[in-house]
Protein backbone atom coordinates (compact mmCIF):
# COMPACT_ATOMS: atom_id res chain seq x y z
CA MET A 1 0.00 0.00 0.00
CA ALA A 2 1.38 3.38 -0.98
CA PHE A 3 1.12 6.19 1.53
CA GLU A 4 1.38 9.90 1.04
CA TYR A 5 4.41 11.71 2.48
CA PRO A 6 4.05 15.43 1.72
CA ASP A 7 7.30 16.96 0.45
CA HIS A 8 7.03 20.10 2.62
CA LEU A 9 7.29 18.07 5.83
CA LYS A 10 10.34 16.67 7.64
CA TYR A 11 10.25 13.15 9.08
CA THR A 12 11.88 11.15 11.89
CA ASP A 13 12.83 7.47 12.03
CA THR A 14 10.22 7.12 14.80
CA HIS A 15 7.48 8.19 12.32
CA GLU A 16 6.72 11.70 13.49
CA TYR A 17 6.61 14.60 11.07
CA THR A 18 7.23 18.32 11.52
CA GLN A 19 6.32 21.42 9.61
CA LEU A 20 7.92 24.69 10.64
CA GLU A 21 5.83 27.87 10.49
CA GLY A 22 8.01 30.69 11.73
CA ASP A 23 9.30 29.48 15.12
CA VAL A 24 6.43 27.03 15.66
CA ALA A 25 6.74 23.37 14.65
CA ILE A 26 3.56 21.45 13.88
CA VAL A 27 4.10 17.83 14.96
CA GLY A 28 2.12 14.73 14.02
CA ILE A 29 2.57 11.09 13.07
CA THR A 30 2.74 9.67 9.58
CA ALA A 31 0.11 7.73 7.66
CA PHE A 32 2.51 4.76 7.70
CA ALA A 33 2.67 4.80 11.52
CA ILE A 34 -1.10 5.08 11.82
CA ASP A 35 -1.53 2.13 9.45
CA GLN A 36 1.00 0.04 11.39
CA LEU A 37 -0.78 0.73 14.67
CA GLY A 38 -4.21 -0.26 13.38
CA ASP A 39 -7.33 0.97 15.14
CA ILE A 40 -6.28 3.81 17.43
CA VAL A 41 -8.22 3.85 20.67
CA PHE A 42 -6.35 6.36 22.86
CA LEU A 43 -4.13 9.38 22.36
CA GLU A 44 -2.40 11.39 25.06
CA VAL A 45 -0.93 14.78 24.17
CA PRO A 46 0.71 17.27 26.55
CA GLU A 47 -0.93 20.41 27.89
CA VAL A 48 -0.06 23.88 26.62
CA GLY A 49 3.06 25.12 28.41
CA THR A 50 4.67 21.67 28.62
CA GLU A 51 8.37 21.59 27.74
CA VAL A 52 9.30 18.92 25.18
CA THR A 53 12.79 17.67 24.31
CA LYS A 54 13.96 16.36 20.97
CA GLY A 55 14.04 12.55 21.02
CA LYS A 56 12.05 12.27 24.26
CA SER A 57 8.45 11.13 24.72
CA PHE A 58 5.77 13.83 24.64
CA GLY A 59 2.77 11.52 24.82
CA THR A 60 1.41 8.11 23.96
CA ILE A 61 -0.73 6.58 21.28
CA GLU A 62 -2.57 3.35 21.89
CA SER A 63 -4.18 0.98 19.42
CA VAL A 64 -5.77 -2.41 19.70
CA LYS A 65 -2.29 -3.80 18.85
CA ALA A 66 0.19 -1.70 20.83
CA VAL A 67 1.00 1.29 23.00
CA GLU A 68 3.72 3.54 21.59
CA ASP A 69 5.51 6.61 22.88
CA LEU A 70 5.32 9.70 20.70
CA LYS A 71 8.82 11.18 20.36
CA SER A 72 9.32 14.89 19.93
CA PRO A 73 11.32 15.84 16.82
CA VAL A 74 12.10 19.26 18.38
CA THR A 75 12.88 20.94 21.69
CA GLY A 76 10.63 23.72 22.91
CA THR A 77 7.34 24.63 24.58
CA VAL A 78 3.91 23.31 23.58
CA VAL A 79 1.77 26.26 22.48
CA GLN A 80 -1.20 24.21 21.28
CA SER A 81 -2.44 20.62 21.68
CA ASN A 82 -4.93 19.02 19.33
CA THR A 83 -7.53 18.06 21.93
CA GLU A 84 -10.02 17.21 19.17
CA MET A 85 -7.75 14.34 18.09
CA ALA A 86 -7.21 13.29 21.71
CA ASP A 87 -10.99 13.14 22.16
CA ALA A 88 -11.51 11.19 18.91
CA PRO A 89 -8.18 9.45 18.07
CA GLU A 90 -9.88 7.16 15.55
CA ASN A 91 -10.05 10.23 13.26
CA LEU A 92 -6.25 10.48 12.99
CA ALA A 93 -6.18 8.19 9.96
CA ASN A 94 -8.61 10.41 8.04
CA ASP A 95 -6.21 13.33 7.66
CA PRO A 96 -2.86 12.80 9.44
CA TYR A 97 -1.10 15.73 7.74
CA SER A 98 -3.68 18.45 8.20
CA ALA A 99 -6.46 18.03 10.78
CA GLY A 100 -4.51 15.19 12.43
CA TRP A 101 -1.60 17.20 13.83
CA LEU A 102 -0.86 16.46 17.50
CA ILE A 103 1.01 19.42 19.01
CA LYS A 104 2.42 22.79 18.03
CA VAL A 105 5.74 23.63 19.64
CA LYS A 106 7.52 26.98 19.89
CA VAL A 107 10.97 25.69 19.06
CA SER A 108 14.12 26.78 20.81
CA ASP A 109 16.26 25.88 17.75
CA PRO A 110 14.48 25.94 14.36
CA SER A 111 17.43 24.15 12.72
CA GLU A 112 16.34 20.94 14.53
CA VAL A 113 13.52 20.69 11.98
CA ASP A 114 15.99 20.93 9.09
CA ASN A 115 17.80 17.85 10.43
CA GLY A 116 14.74 15.69 9.74
CA MET A 117 14.45 13.34 6.78
CA SER A 118 12.98 14.45 3.49
CA ALA A 119 9.84 12.74 2.20
CA GLU A 120 12.02 10.76 -0.20
CA GLN A 121 14.37 9.60 2.58
CA TYR A 122 11.45 8.64 4.82
CA ARG A 123 9.76 6.72 2.00
CA GLY A 124 13.01 4.80 1.53
CA LEU A 125 13.11 3.98 5.25
CA VAL A 126 9.57 2.65 5.52
CA GLU A 127 9.20 1.10 2.09
CA GLY A 128 12.72 -0.31 2.01
CA SER A 129 13.46 1.14 -1.39
């Protein structure tokens, strides 16, 4: 199954994506990760004001198959959490790259986003091509 990986996003090897808008990074998880998890039944995202650290857990996502930590691709302060997705995590699969974002983080170092993988690199990682 072919998934969409928008070119304007940066990706991590733990299947999160980021999009930088000014000094705010929009963070979510990829369509591939959502598909691998299966039916998502629970999503925990941090409250506004929470400090997140690149590479560290900022929340959890739970499906009928597994519970996984969500890893922050950036360091900074959460300025917005997508409580609509937390209240209805089954909707994540409908639109992971737009309505399905998880947190918005005011980043302390915007260059952290640039260090992410391109869509082409991420596709190679997950599709083994």
